[in-house]
Amino acid sequence: MCGATSATTCSDPDGPCLQTDLRWAKLDPMGPLDQYLRRLALTLAVIASLAAGPIAWANSVDVLLTHLESGSYASRESASAELAKLGPSAVPALVEFAQRNSPEASLRGVAILRAMCLSPDDATSQAAETGLRQLAESVNRVASLAASDIVMSLASGAGARLEQLGCKPLAGQPVLTLTSRWHGGRDGLVNLRWLPGIRILRVERAPLEDEALAHLRWVPELTELVIRDAPITDRVFEHLRHVPRLRGLYLNGTRITDAGVAQLAQHESLRWLELRHTSLTDASVESLGKLKGLKVIDIVGTKISADGVKRLSKLLPATSVCSSVDGP
């Protein structure tokens, strides 16, 4: 139809029905040219997305934002999911959207930022948190109150979320203990981001993967790390660089090797070191001997020989060496 001014598609009676008003493209002689061009580009993008089908939307932030105000619940939900996937690039537009639209639309924008804030991707999480803090200072009262509540709940709710994932209750103490009930995978410890006061992390027979320890960067003041009977490998030493003030390290019953222990030399703050029931051999002695600040080192149940224990004791004369074999 040559004279039509709108384009509509509806794949089924219950599905999302998207409508684009081509009158958006009319030039307002009193409006700025860039506003006209923006609307024209948006119109063309929506038309292109409709041509590809009602679900195969273009990954344009502006296009997806229009769907947040759709009358279709399915359309709004799909747009929300797609916006969250776009990561940090979508945050500025979401902040603007939440500030300038209706209360209902503002709440949708804030909700998407909250979901992004819990993303395991650092860049996305940090950008979303920054966006929420900006909205908390917004003149839009709805957006401001919602964002403020979320920022506070992320911090106060971190402990509760960790308990749900299999941690012992914090009980007001700076100690976090993961038990055998842990089911947070590699991303559950992202909640440490809102618990910077944690000083002791204990992993007791929890099925924790090395990758999960990347979240130690959120607790740089950690002073004690205890891991017992967990499938942790040498990769743990890569993540220890995030906790330079570590004084106690306990890796009992883990899968660490001589090669991994060689990376411990940089941790001059260590005072207590337990490596019980690991596969360490005499090849670790020289590396362990560089930790001059140790008060106690426990190598019970390792493959370090009596000669190795003697050499270690000579390298660390002020350190109490505990082993399964006779020392000097």
C-alpha atoms as a PDB file:
ATOM      1  CA  MET A   1       0.000   0.000   0.000  1.00  0.00           C
ATOM      2  CA  CYS A   2       1.749   3.125  -1.251  1.00  0.00           C
ATOM      3  CA  GLY A   3       0.033   5.498   1.151  1.00  0.00           C
ATOM      4  CA  ALA A   4       0.602   3.486   4.328  1.00  0.00           C
ATOM      5  CA  THR A   5       2.223   5.283   7.245  1.00  0.00           C
ATOM      6  CA  SER A   6       2.804   2.319   9.546  1.00  0.00           C
ATOM      7  CA  ALA A   7       4.144  -1.209   9.423  1.00  0.00           C
ATOM      8  CA  THR A   8       2.774  -3.990  11.619  1.00  0.00           C
ATOM      9  CA  THR A   9       3.663  -7.638  12.024  1.00  0.00           C
ATOM     10  CA  CYS A  10       2.022 -10.241  14.204  1.00  0.00           C
ATOM     11  CA  SER A  11       3.315 -13.810  13.893  1.00  0.00           C
ATOM     12  CA  ASP A  12       0.482 -15.321  15.950  1.00  0.00           C
ATOM     13  CA  PRO A  13      -2.458 -14.091  18.063  1.00  0.00           C
ATOM     14  CA  ASP A  14      -0.578 -14.713  21.301  1.00  0.00           C
ATOM     15  CA  GLY A  15       2.900 -13.596  20.210  1.00  0.00           C
ATOM     16  CA  PRO A  16       4.498 -10.161  20.376  1.00  0.00           C
ATOM     17  CA  CYS A  17       3.010  -7.659  17.978  1.00  0.00           C
ATOM     18  CA  LEU A  18       5.402  -4.871  17.024  1.00  0.00           C
ATOM     19  CA  GLN A  19       4.300  -1.693  15.368  1.00  0.00           C
ATOM     20  CA  THR A  20       6.448   1.037  13.855  1.00  0.00           C
ATOM     21  CA  ASP A  21       4.965   4.419  13.139  1.00  0.00           C
ATOM     22  CA  LEU A  22       6.705   5.839  10.068  1.00  0.00           C
ATOM     23  CA  ARG A  23       5.495   9.288  11.028  1.00  0.00           C
ATOM     24  CA  TRP A  24       8.489   9.304  13.421  1.00  0.00           C
ATOM     25  CA  ALA A  25      10.545  10.082  10.365  1.00  0.00           C
ATOM     26  CA  LYS A  26       8.746  13.349   9.631  1.00  0.00           C
ATOM     27  CA  LEU A  27      10.988  16.338   9.986  1.00  0.00           C
ATOM     28  CA  ASP A  28       9.954  18.719  12.722  1.00  0.00           C
ATOM     29  CA  PRO A  29      11.017  22.124  11.383  1.00  0.00           C
ATOM     30  CA  MET A  30      11.291  23.409  14.951  1.00  0.00           C
ATOM     31  CA  GLY A  31      13.373  20.443  16.246  1.00  0.00           C
ATOM     32  CA  PRO A  32      17.125  19.838  15.986  1.00  0.00           C
ATOM     33  CA  LEU A  33      18.418  18.021  12.931  1.00  0.00           C
ATOM     34  CA  ASP A  34      20.223  15.393  14.997  1.00  0.00           C
ATOM     35  CA  GLN A  35      16.937  14.446  16.676  1.00  0.00           C
ATOM     36  CA  TYR A  36      15.354  13.909  13.284  1.00  0.00           C
ATOM     37  CA  LEU A  37      18.283  11.792  12.092  1.00  0.00           C
ATOM     38  CA  ARG A  38      18.206   9.729  15.256  1.00  0.00           C
ATOM     39  CA  ARG A  39      14.518   8.981  14.830  1.00  0.00           C
ATOM     40  CA  LEU A  40      14.981   8.169  11.175  1.00  0.00           C
ATOM     41  CA  ALA A  41      17.798   5.755  11.924  1.00  0.00           C
ATOM     42  CA  LEU A  42      15.720   4.147  14.646  1.00  0.00           C
ATOM     43  CA  THR A  43      12.754   3.762  12.325  1.00  0.00           C
ATOM     44  CA  LEU A  44      14.874   2.089   9.663  1.00  0.00           C
ATOM     45  CA  ALA A  45      16.441  -0.231  12.247  1.00  0.00           C
ATOM     46  CA  VAL A  46      13.038  -1.318  13.554  1.00  0.00           C
ATOM     47  CA  ILE A  47      11.805  -1.949  10.007  1.00  0.00           C
ATOM     48  CA  ALA A  48      14.897  -4.032   9.313  1.00  0.00           C
ATOM     49  CA  SER A  49      14.334  -6.065  12.458  1.00  0.00           C
ATOM     50  CA  LEU A  50      10.715  -6.670  11.510  1.00  0.00           C
ATOM     51  CA  ALA A  51      11.776  -7.823   8.079  1.00  0.00           C
ATOM     52  CA  ALA A  52      13.946 -10.445   9.747  1.00  0.00           C
ATOM     53  CA  GLY A  53      11.023 -11.658  11.868  1.00  0.00           C
ATOM     54  CA  PRO A  54       9.418 -10.566  15.140  1.00  0.00           C
ATOM     55  CA  ILE A  55      12.029 -12.410  17.250  1.00  0.00           C
ATOM     56  CA  ALA A  56      15.200 -11.869  15.243  1.00  0.00           C
ATOM     57  CA  TRP A  57      15.769  -8.339  16.469  1.00  0.00           C
ATOM     58  CA  ALA A  58      18.824  -6.284  15.582  1.00  0.00           C
ATOM     59  CA  ASN A  59      21.238  -5.991  18.524  1.00  0.00           C
ATOM     60  CA  SER A  60      20.763  -2.244  18.690  1.00  0.00           C
ATOM     61  CA  VAL A  61      20.415  -0.714  22.139  1.00  0.00           C
ATOM     62  CA  ASP A  62      17.926   1.879  20.887  1.00  0.00           C
ATOM     63  CA  VAL A  63      15.785  -0.731  19.166  1.00  0.00           C
ATOM     64  CA  LEU A  64      15.754  -2.977  22.215  1.00  0.00           C
ATOM     65  CA  LEU A  65      14.835  -0.061  24.470  1.00  0.00           C
ATOM     66  CA  THR A  66      11.717   0.584  22.383  1.00  0.00           C
ATOM     67  CA  HIS A  67      10.644  -3.003  23.058  1.00  0.00           C
ATOM     68  CA  LEU A  68      10.891  -2.402  26.808  1.00  0.00           C
ATOM     69  CA  GLU A  69       7.754  -0.302  26.429  1.00  0.00           C
ATOM     70  CA  SER A  70       5.964  -2.848  24.260  1.00  0.00           C
ATOM     71  CA  GLY A  71       2.478  -3.975  25.200  1.00  0.00           C
ATOM     72  CA  SER A  72       3.669  -7.573  24.894  1.00  0.00           C
ATOM     73  CA  TYR A  73       5.136  -9.187  27.991  1.00  0.00           C
ATOM     74  CA  ALA A  74       7.138 -11.639  25.874  1.00  0.00           C
ATOM     75  CA  SER A  75       8.564  -8.758  23.869  1.00  0.00           C
ATOM     76  CA  ARG A  76       9.601  -6.872  27.004  1.00  0.00           C
ATOM     77  CA  GLU A  77      11.211  -9.945  28.542  1.00  0.00           C
ATOM     78  CA  SER A  78      13.149 -10.783  25.377  1.00  0.00           C
ATOM     79  CA  ALA A  79      14.389  -7.215  25.072  1.00  0.00           C
ATOM     80  CA  SER A  80      15.492  -7.216  28.712  1.00  0.00           C
ATOM     81  CA  ALA A  81      17.479 -10.408  28.202  1.00  0.00           C
ATOM     82  CA  GLU A  82      19.130  -9.082  25.039  1.00  0.00           C
ATOM     83  CA  LEU A  83      20.066  -5.786  26.690  1.00  0.00           C
ATOM     84  CA  ALA A  84      21.686  -7.608  29.596  1.00  0.00           C
ATOM     85  CA  LYS A  85      23.770  -9.617  27.124  1.00  0.00           C
ATOM     86  CA  LEU A  86      25.168  -6.458  25.535  1.00  0.00           C
ATOM     87  CA  GLY A  87      27.208  -5.769  28.651  1.00  0.00           C
ATOM     88  CA  PRO A  88      28.840  -2.417  29.512  1.00  0.00           C
ATOM     89  CA  SER A  89      27.944  -0.809  26.167  1.00  0.00           C
ATOM     90  CA  ALA A  90      24.257  -0.865  27.104  1.00  0.00           C
ATOM     91  CA  VAL A  91      24.624   0.752  30.538  1.00  0.00           C
ATOM     92  CA  PRO A  92      24.670   4.474  29.582  1.00  0.00           C
ATOM     93  CA  ALA A  93      21.532   4.072  27.469  1.00  0.00           C
ATOM     94  CA  LEU A  94      19.786   2.121  30.244  1.00  0.00           C
ATOM     95  CA  VAL A  95      20.612   4.841  32.775  1.00  0.00           C
ATOM     96  CA  GLU A  96      19.207   7.508  30.459  1.00  0.00           C
ATOM     97  CA  PHE A  97      16.159   5.355  29.752  1.00  0.00           C
ATOM     98  CA  ALA A  98      15.424   4.902  33.464  1.00  0.00           C
ATOM     99  CA  GLN A  99      15.794   8.636  34.116  1.00  0.00           C
ATOM    100  CA  ARG A 100      13.568   9.929  31.345  1.00  0.00           C
ATOM    101  CA  ASN A 101      10.681   7.492  31.040  1.00  0.00           C
ATOM    102  CA  SER A 102       7.502   6.498  32.868  1.00  0.00           C
ATOM    103  CA  PRO A 103       7.728   4.950  36.351  1.00  0.00           C
ATOM    104  CA  GLU A 104       7.027   1.479  34.952  1.00  0.00           C
ATOM    105  CA  ALA A 105       9.676   1.823  32.241  1.00  0.00           C
ATOM    106  CA  SER A 106      12.155   3.245  34.759  1.00  0.00           C
ATOM    107  CA  LEU A 107      11.725   0.204  36.982  1.00  0.00           C
ATOM    108  CA  ARG A 108      12.370  -2.094  34.030  1.00  0.00           C
ATOM    109  CA  GLY A 109      15.602  -0.278  33.257  1.00  0.00           C
ATOM    110  CA  VAL A 110      16.719  -0.474  36.887  1.00  0.00           C
ATOM    111  CA  ALA A 111      15.844  -4.190  37.022  1.00  0.00           C
ATOM    112  CA  ILE A 112      18.060  -4.896  34.004  1.00  0.00           C
ATOM    113  CA  LEU A 113      20.948  -3.011  35.623  1.00  0.00           C
ATOM    114  CA  ARG A 114      20.496  -5.106  38.761  1.00  0.00           C
ATOM    115  CA  ALA A 115      20.731  -8.329  36.748  1.00  0.00           C
ATOM    116  CA  MET A 116      23.844  -7.033  35.008  1.00  0.00           C
ATOM    117  CA  CYS A 117      25.347  -6.095  38.364  1.00  0.00           C
ATOM    118  CA  LEU A 118      25.343  -9.785  39.306  1.00  0.00           C
ATOM    119  CA  SER A 119      27.095 -10.796  36.092  1.00  0.00           C
ATOM    120  CA  PRO A 120      30.301 -12.838  36.486  1.00  0.00           C
ATOM    121  CA  ASP A 121      31.875 -10.526  33.908  1.00  0.00           C
ATOM    122  CA  ASP A 122      33.773  -7.865  35.853  1.00  0.00           C
ATOM    123  CA  ALA A 123      33.377  -5.113  33.276  1.00  0.00           C
ATOM    124  CA  THR A 124      29.613  -5.636  33.061  1.00  0.00           C
ATOM    125  CA  SER A 125      29.172  -5.871  36.823  1.00  0.00           C
ATOM    126  CA  GLN A 126      31.205  -2.741  37.550  1.00  0.00           C
ATOM    127  CA  ALA A 127      29.543  -0.696  34.805  1.00  0.00           C
ATOM    128  CA  ALA A 128      26.087  -1.707  36.012  1.00  0.00           C
ATOM    129  CA  GLU A 129      26.894  -0.852  39.629  1.00  0.00           C
ATOM    130  CA  THR A 130      28.192   2.550  38.531  1.00  0.00           C
ATOM    131  CA  GLY A 131      24.975   3.071  36.576  1.00  0.00           C
ATOM    132  CA  LEU A 132      22.849   2.181  39.603  1.00  0.00           C
ATOM    133  CA  ARG A 133      24.784   4.620  41.778  1.00  0.00           C
ATOM    134  CA  GLN A 134      24.204   7.332  39.185  1.00  0.00           C
ATOM    135  CA  LEU A 135      20.486   6.598  39.207  1.00  0.00           C
ATOM    136  CA  ALA A 136      20.441   6.703  42.994  1.00  0.00           C
ATOM    137  CA  GLU A 137      21.309  10.420  42.645  1.00  0.00           C
ATOM    138  CA  SER A 138      18.768  10.969  39.866  1.00  0.00           C
ATOM    139  CA  VAL A 139      16.009  13.576  40.020  1.00  0.00           C
ATOM    140  CA  ASN A 140      13.649  10.841  38.818  1.00  0.00           C
ATOM    141  CA  ARG A 141      12.283   9.798  42.200  1.00  0.00           C
ATOM    142  CA  VAL A 142      11.129   6.344  41.084  1.00  0.00           C
ATOM    143  CA  ALA A 143      14.475   5.483  39.514  1.00  0.00           C
ATOM    144  CA  SER A 144      16.389   7.004  42.434  1.00  0.00           C
ATOM    145  CA  LEU A 145      14.541   5.053  45.124  1.00  0.00           C
ATOM    146  CA  ALA A 146      14.676   1.779  43.198  1.00  0.00           C
ATOM    147  CA  ALA A 147      18.389   2.112  42.435  1.00  0.00           C
ATOM    148  CA  SER A 148      19.200   3.088  46.043  1.00  0.00           C
ATOM    149  CA  ASP A 149      17.343   0.053  47.371  1.00  0.00           C
ATOM    150  CA  ILE A 150      19.197  -2.253  44.994  1.00  0.00           C
ATOM    151  CA  VAL A 151      22.624  -0.851  45.860  1.00  0.00           C
ATOM    152  CA  MET A 152      21.907  -1.391  49.559  1.00  0.00           C
ATOM    153  CA  SER A 153      20.359  -4.828  49.045  1.00  0.00           C
ATOM    154  CA  LEU A 154      23.328  -6.050  47.010  1.00  0.00           C
ATOM    155  CA  ALA A 155      25.554  -5.456  50.004  1.00  0.00           C
ATOM    156  CA  SER A 156      23.159  -6.618  52.726  1.00  0.00           C
ATOM    157  CA  GLY A 157      21.964  -9.574  50.674  1.00  0.00           C
ATOM    158  CA  ALA A 158      25.402 -10.907  49.699  1.00  0.00           C
ATOM    159  CA  GLY A 159      25.704 -12.959  52.866  1.00  0.00           C
ATOM    160  CA  ALA A 160      22.224 -14.417  52.428  1.00  0.00           C
ATOM    161  CA  ARG A 161      22.939 -15.336  48.821  1.00  0.00           C
ATOM    162  CA  LEU A 162      26.145 -17.109  49.846  1.00  0.00           C
ATOM    163  CA  GLU A 163      24.273 -19.036  52.538  1.00  0.00           C
ATOM    164  CA  GLN A 164      21.810 -20.220  49.912  1.00  0.00           C
ATOM    165  CA  LEU A 165      24.752 -21.449  47.855  1.00  0.00           C
ATOM    166  CA  GLY A 166      26.115 -23.555  50.707  1.00  0.00           C
ATOM    167  CA  CYS A 167      28.112 -21.286  53.025  1.00  0.00           C
ATOM    168  CA  LYS A 168      27.880 -21.156  56.774  1.00  0.00           C
ATOM    169  CA  PRO A 169      26.125 -18.030  58.141  1.00  0.00           C
ATOM    170  CA  LEU A 170      28.472 -15.093  58.576  1.00  0.00           C
ATOM    171  CA  ALA A 171      27.041 -14.305  62.007  1.00  0.00           C
ATOM    172  CA  GLY A 172      28.596 -10.851  61.927  1.00  0.00           C
ATOM    173  CA  GLN A 173      32.126 -12.241  61.692  1.00  0.00           C
ATOM    174  CA  PRO A 174      34.679 -11.524  58.913  1.00  0.00           C
ATOM    175  CA  VAL A 175      34.876 -15.274  58.219  1.00  0.00           C
ATOM    176  CA  LEU A 176      33.352 -17.027  55.210  1.00  0.00           C
ATOM    177  CA  THR A 177      33.180 -20.834  55.247  1.00  0.00           C
ATOM    178  CA  LEU A 178      32.242 -22.938  52.232  1.00  0.00           C
ATOM    179  CA  THR A 179      31.033 -26.426  53.123  1.00  0.00           C
ATOM    180  CA  SER A 180      30.405 -29.645  51.211  1.00  0.00           C
ATOM    181  CA  ARG A 181      26.942 -28.246  50.416  1.00  0.00           C
ATOM    182  CA  TRP A 182      28.483 -25.545  48.217  1.00  0.00           C
ATOM    183  CA  HIS A 183      26.839 -25.339  44.789  1.00  0.00           C
ATOM    184  CA  GLY A 184      27.874 -21.879  43.689  1.00  0.00           C
ATOM    185  CA  GLY A 185      30.095 -23.108  40.863  1.00  0.00           C
ATOM    186  CA  ARG A 186      32.725 -20.722  39.592  1.00  0.00           C
ATOM    187  CA  ASP A 187      30.593 -17.582  39.880  1.00  0.00           C
ATOM    188  CA  GLY A 188      29.004 -17.796  43.331  1.00  0.00           C
ATOM    189  CA  LEU A 189      31.939 -16.061  44.991  1.00  0.00           C
ATOM    190  CA  VAL A 190      31.239 -12.928  42.961  1.00  0.00           C
ATOM    191  CA  ASN A 191      29.227 -11.975  46.051  1.00  0.00           C
ATOM    192  CA  LEU A 192      32.543 -11.280  47.778  1.00  0.00           C
ATOM    193  CA  ARG A 193      32.452  -8.029  45.873  1.00  0.00           C
ATOM    194  CA  TRP A 194      29.978  -6.696  48.421  1.00  0.00           C
ATOM    195  CA  LEU A 195      31.819  -8.208  51.393  1.00  0.00           C
ATOM    196  CA  PRO A 196      35.237  -6.510  51.285  1.00  0.00           C
ATOM    197  CA  GLY A 197      35.550  -6.913  55.060  1.00  0.00           C
ATOM    198  CA  ILE A 198      36.084 -10.682  54.831  1.00  0.00           C
ATOM    199  CA  ARG A 199      39.452 -11.573  56.369  1.00  0.00           C
ATOM    200  CA  ILE A 200      39.285 -15.380  56.485  1.00  0.00           C
ATOM    201  CA  LEU A 201      38.027 -17.717  53.746  1.00  0.00           C
ATOM    202  CA  ARG A 202      37.646 -21.392  54.575  1.00  0.00           C
ATOM    203  CA  VAL A 203      36.873 -24.079  52.012  1.00  0.00           C
ATOM    204  CA  GLU A 204      36.045 -27.317  53.810  1.00  0.00           C
ATOM    205  CA  ARG A 205      35.550 -30.233  51.433  1.00  0.00           C
ATOM    206  CA  ALA A 206      33.619 -27.972  49.087  1.00  0.00           C
ATOM    207  CA  PRO A 207      33.583 -28.805  45.350  1.00  0.00           C
ATOM    208  CA  LEU A 208      35.310 -25.536  44.534  1.00  0.00           C
ATOM    209  CA  GLU A 209      37.061 -25.040  41.196  1.00  0.00           C
ATOM    210  CA  ASP A 210      40.248 -23.043  40.679  1.00  0.00           C
ATOM    211  CA  GLU A 211      38.420 -20.490  38.526  1.00  0.00           C
ATOM    212  CA  ALA A 212      36.176 -19.545  41.448  1.00  0.00           C
ATOM    213  CA  LEU A 213      39.197 -18.217  43.334  1.00  0.00           C
ATOM    214  CA  ALA A 214      39.558 -15.440  40.762  1.00  0.00           C
ATOM    215  CA  HIS A 215      37.026 -13.635  42.956  1.00  0.00           C
ATOM    216  CA  LEU A 216      39.649 -13.252  45.678  1.00  0.00           C
ATOM    217  CA  ARG A 217      40.340  -9.901  44.035  1.00  0.00           C
ATOM    218  CA  TRP A 218      37.268  -8.550  45.830  1.00  0.00           C
ATOM    219  CA  VAL A 219      38.857  -9.220  49.247  1.00  0.00           C
ATOM    220  CA  PRO A 220      42.413  -7.823  48.984  1.00  0.00           C
ATOM    221  CA  GLU A 221      42.618  -7.573  52.794  1.00  0.00           C
ATOM    222  CA  LEU A 222      42.246 -11.345  53.213  1.00  0.00           C
ATOM    223  CA  THR A 223      44.744 -12.633  55.780  1.00  0.00           C
ATOM    224  CA  GLU A 224      43.914 -16.342  55.915  1.00  0.00           C
ATOM    225  CA  LEU A 225      42.939 -18.866  53.232  1.00  0.00           C
ATOM    226  CA  VAL A 226      42.093 -22.401  54.302  1.00  0.00           C
ATOM    227  CA  ILE A 227      41.357 -25.063  51.678  1.00  0.00           C
ATOM    228  CA  ARG A 228      40.919 -28.651  52.819  1.00  0.00           C
ATOM    229  CA  ASP A 229      40.179 -31.665  50.617  1.00  0.00           C
ATOM    230  CA  ALA A 230      39.056 -29.677  47.595  1.00  0.00           C
ATOM    231  CA  PRO A 231      39.932 -30.236  43.894  1.00  0.00           C
ATOM    232  CA  ILE A 232      42.237 -27.208  43.820  1.00  0.00           C
ATOM    233  CA  THR A 233      45.333 -27.344  41.584  1.00  0.00           C
ATOM    234  CA  ASP A 234      48.394 -25.169  40.978  1.00  0.00           C
ATOM    235  CA  ARG A 235      46.169 -22.513  39.454  1.00  0.00           C
ATOM    236  CA  VAL A 236      45.338 -21.383  42.972  1.00  0.00           C
ATOM    237  CA  PHE A 237      48.748 -19.692  43.107  1.00  0.00           C
ATOM    238  CA  GLU A 238      47.817 -17.440  40.169  1.00  0.00           C
ATOM    239  CA  HIS A 239      44.939 -16.010  42.203  1.00  0.00           C
ATOM    240  CA  LEU A 240      46.948 -15.476  45.379  1.00  0.00           C
ATOM    241  CA  ARG A 241      48.434 -12.356  43.841  1.00  0.00           C
ATOM    242  CA  HIS A 242      45.121 -10.641  44.682  1.00  0.00           C
ATOM    243  CA  VAL A 243      45.698 -11.138  48.427  1.00  0.00           C
ATOM    244  CA  PRO A 244      49.170  -9.695  49.147  1.00  0.00           C
ATOM    245  CA  ARG A 245      48.539  -9.498  52.913  1.00  0.00           C
ATOM    246  CA  LEU A 246      47.975 -13.226  53.319  1.00  0.00           C
ATOM    247  CA  ARG A 247      49.554 -14.492  56.560  1.00  0.00           C
ATOM    248  CA  GLY A 248      48.092 -17.988  56.784  1.00  0.00           C
ATOM    249  CA  LEU A 249      47.785 -20.415  53.849  1.00  0.00           C
ATOM    250  CA  TYR A 250      46.442 -23.937  54.312  1.00  0.00           C
ATOM    251  CA  LEU A 251      46.191 -26.163  51.230  1.00  0.00           C
ATOM    252  CA  ASN A 252      45.739 -29.555  52.832  1.00  0.00           C
ATOM    253  CA  GLY A 253      44.553 -32.459  50.698  1.00  0.00           C
ATOM    254  CA  THR A 254      44.659 -30.452  47.462  1.00  0.00           C
ATOM    255  CA  ARG A 255      46.211 -31.250  44.080  1.00  0.00           C
ATOM    256  CA  ILE A 256      49.080 -28.783  44.195  1.00  0.00           C
ATOM    257  CA  THR A 257      52.525 -29.791  42.915  1.00  0.00           C
ATOM    258  CA  ASP A 258      56.175 -28.767  43.249  1.00  0.00           C
ATOM    259  CA  ALA A 259      55.797 -26.467  40.227  1.00  0.00           C
ATOM    260  CA  GLY A 260      52.981 -24.529  41.861  1.00  0.00           C
ATOM    261  CA  VAL A 261      54.754 -24.129  45.193  1.00  0.00           C
ATOM    262  CA  ALA A 262      57.607 -22.402  43.362  1.00  0.00           C
ATOM    263  CA  GLN A 263      55.262 -19.414  42.957  1.00  0.00           C
ATOM    264  CA  LEU A 264      54.982 -18.880  46.711  1.00  0.00           C
ATOM    265  CA  ALA A 265      58.319 -17.066  46.999  1.00  0.00           C
ATOM    266  CA  GLN A 266      56.616 -13.712  46.336  1.00  0.00           C
ATOM    267  CA  HIS A 267      54.417 -14.028  49.437  1.00  0.00           C
ATOM    268  CA  GLU A 268      56.787 -12.640  52.028  1.00  0.00           C
ATOM    269  CA  SER A 269      53.911 -11.907  54.417  1.00  0.00           C
ATOM    270  CA  LEU A 270      53.204 -15.634  55.029  1.00  0.00           C
ATOM    271  CA  ARG A 271      53.694 -16.777  58.616  1.00  0.00           C
ATOM    272  CA  TRP A 272      51.806 -20.088  58.679  1.00  0.00           C
ATOM    273  CA  LEU A 273      51.860 -22.587  55.828  1.00  0.00           C
ATOM    274  CA  GLU A 274      50.212 -26.015  55.777  1.00  0.00           C
ATOM    275  CA  LEU A 275      50.604 -28.333  52.775  1.00  0.00           C
ATOM    276  CA  ARG A 276      49.591 -31.596  54.420  1.00  0.00           C
ATOM    277  CA  HIS A 277      48.739 -34.680  52.372  1.00  0.00           C
ATOM    278  CA  THR A 278      49.789 -33.265  49.017  1.00  0.00           C
ATOM    279  CA  SER A 279      52.117 -34.718  46.364  1.00  0.00           C
ATOM    280  CA  LEU A 280      55.061 -32.420  47.161  1.00  0.00           C
ATOM    281  CA  THR A 281      58.558 -33.882  46.890  1.00  0.00           C
ATOM    282  CA  ASP A 282      62.088 -32.784  47.680  1.00  0.00           C
ATOM    283  CA  ALA A 283      61.896 -30.615  44.556  1.00  0.00           C
ATOM    284  CA  SER A 284      59.853 -28.122  46.617  1.00  0.00           C
ATOM    285  CA  VAL A 285      62.464 -27.677  49.338  1.00  0.00           C
ATOM    286  CA  GLU A 286      64.392 -24.839  47.696  1.00  0.00           C
ATOM    287  CA  SER A 287      61.198 -22.899  46.953  1.00  0.00           C
ATOM    288  CA  LEU A 288      59.842 -23.348  50.473  1.00  0.00           C
ATOM    289  CA  GLY A 289      63.219 -22.358  51.872  1.00  0.00           C
ATOM    290  CA  LYS A 290      62.785 -18.859  50.448  1.00  0.00           C
ATOM    291  CA  LEU A 291      59.856 -18.108  52.765  1.00  0.00           C
ATOM    292  CA  LYS A 292      62.022 -16.676  55.543  1.00  0.00           C
ATOM    293  CA  GLY A 293      59.124 -15.119  57.416  1.00  0.00           C
ATOM    294  CA  LEU A 294      57.429 -18.441  58.203  1.00  0.00           C
ATOM    295  CA  LYS A 295      56.858 -19.326  61.849  1.00  0.00           C
ATOM    296  CA  VAL A 296      55.395 -22.752  61.124  1.00  0.00           C
ATOM    297  CA  ILE A 297      55.382 -24.982  58.035  1.00  0.00           C
ATOM    298  CA  ASP A 298      53.497 -28.293  58.045  1.00  0.00           C
ATOM    299  CA  ILE A 299      54.404 -30.868  55.373  1.00  0.00           C
ATOM    300  CA  VAL A 300      52.992 -33.959  57.078  1.00  0.00           C
ATOM    301  CA  GLY A 301      51.835 -36.595  54.596  1.00  0.00           C
ATOM    302  CA  THR A 302      53.910 -35.291  51.661  1.00  0.00           C
ATOM    303  CA  LYS A 303      56.659 -37.117  49.746  1.00  0.00           C
ATOM    304  CA  ILE A 304      59.404 -34.909  51.119  1.00  0.00           C
ATOM    305  CA  SER A 305      62.122 -37.224  52.453  1.00  0.00           C
ATOM    306  CA  ALA A 306      64.065 -37.075  55.713  1.00  0.00           C
ATOM    307  CA  ASP A 307      66.962 -35.466  53.841  1.00  0.00           C
ATOM    308  CA  GLY A 308      64.565 -32.932  52.395  1.00  0.00           C
ATOM    309  CA  VAL A 309      63.261 -32.081  55.861  1.00  0.00           C
ATOM    310  CA  LYS A 310      66.837 -31.577  57.094  1.00  0.00           C
ATOM    311  CA  ARG A 311      67.645 -29.249  54.199  1.00  0.00           C
ATOM    312  CA  LEU A 312      64.440 -27.277  54.763  1.00  0.00           C
ATOM    313  CA  SER A 313      65.204 -26.900  58.455  1.00  0.00           C
ATOM    314  CA  LYS A 314      68.632 -25.484  57.605  1.00  0.00           C
ATOM    315  CA  LEU A 315      67.120 -23.040  55.106  1.00  0.00           C
ATOM    316  CA  LEU A 316      64.517 -21.948  57.674  1.00  0.00           C
ATOM    317  CA  PRO A 317      66.310 -22.078  61.041  1.00  0.00           C
ATOM    318  CA  ALA A 318      63.735 -19.891  62.778  1.00  0.00           C
ATOM    319  CA  THR A 319      60.788 -21.918  61.492  1.00  0.00           C
ATOM    320  CA  SER A 320      59.077 -24.875  63.134  1.00  0.00           C
ATOM    321  CA  VAL A 321      58.989 -27.652  60.505  1.00  0.00           C
ATOM    322  CA  CYS A 322      56.333 -30.348  61.024  1.00  0.00           C
ATOM    323  CA  SER A 323      56.702 -33.540  58.970  1.00  0.00           C
ATOM    324  CA  SER A 324      56.012 -37.277  58.932  1.00  0.00           C
ATOM    325  CA  VAL A 325      59.729 -38.126  59.073  1.00  0.00           C
ATOM    326  CA  ASP A 326      62.487 -37.452  61.545  1.00  0.00           C
ATOM    327  CA  GLY A 327      64.113 -34.069  61.185  1.00  0.00           C
ATOM    328  CA  PRO A 328      67.633 -33.015  62.144  1.00  0.00           C
END
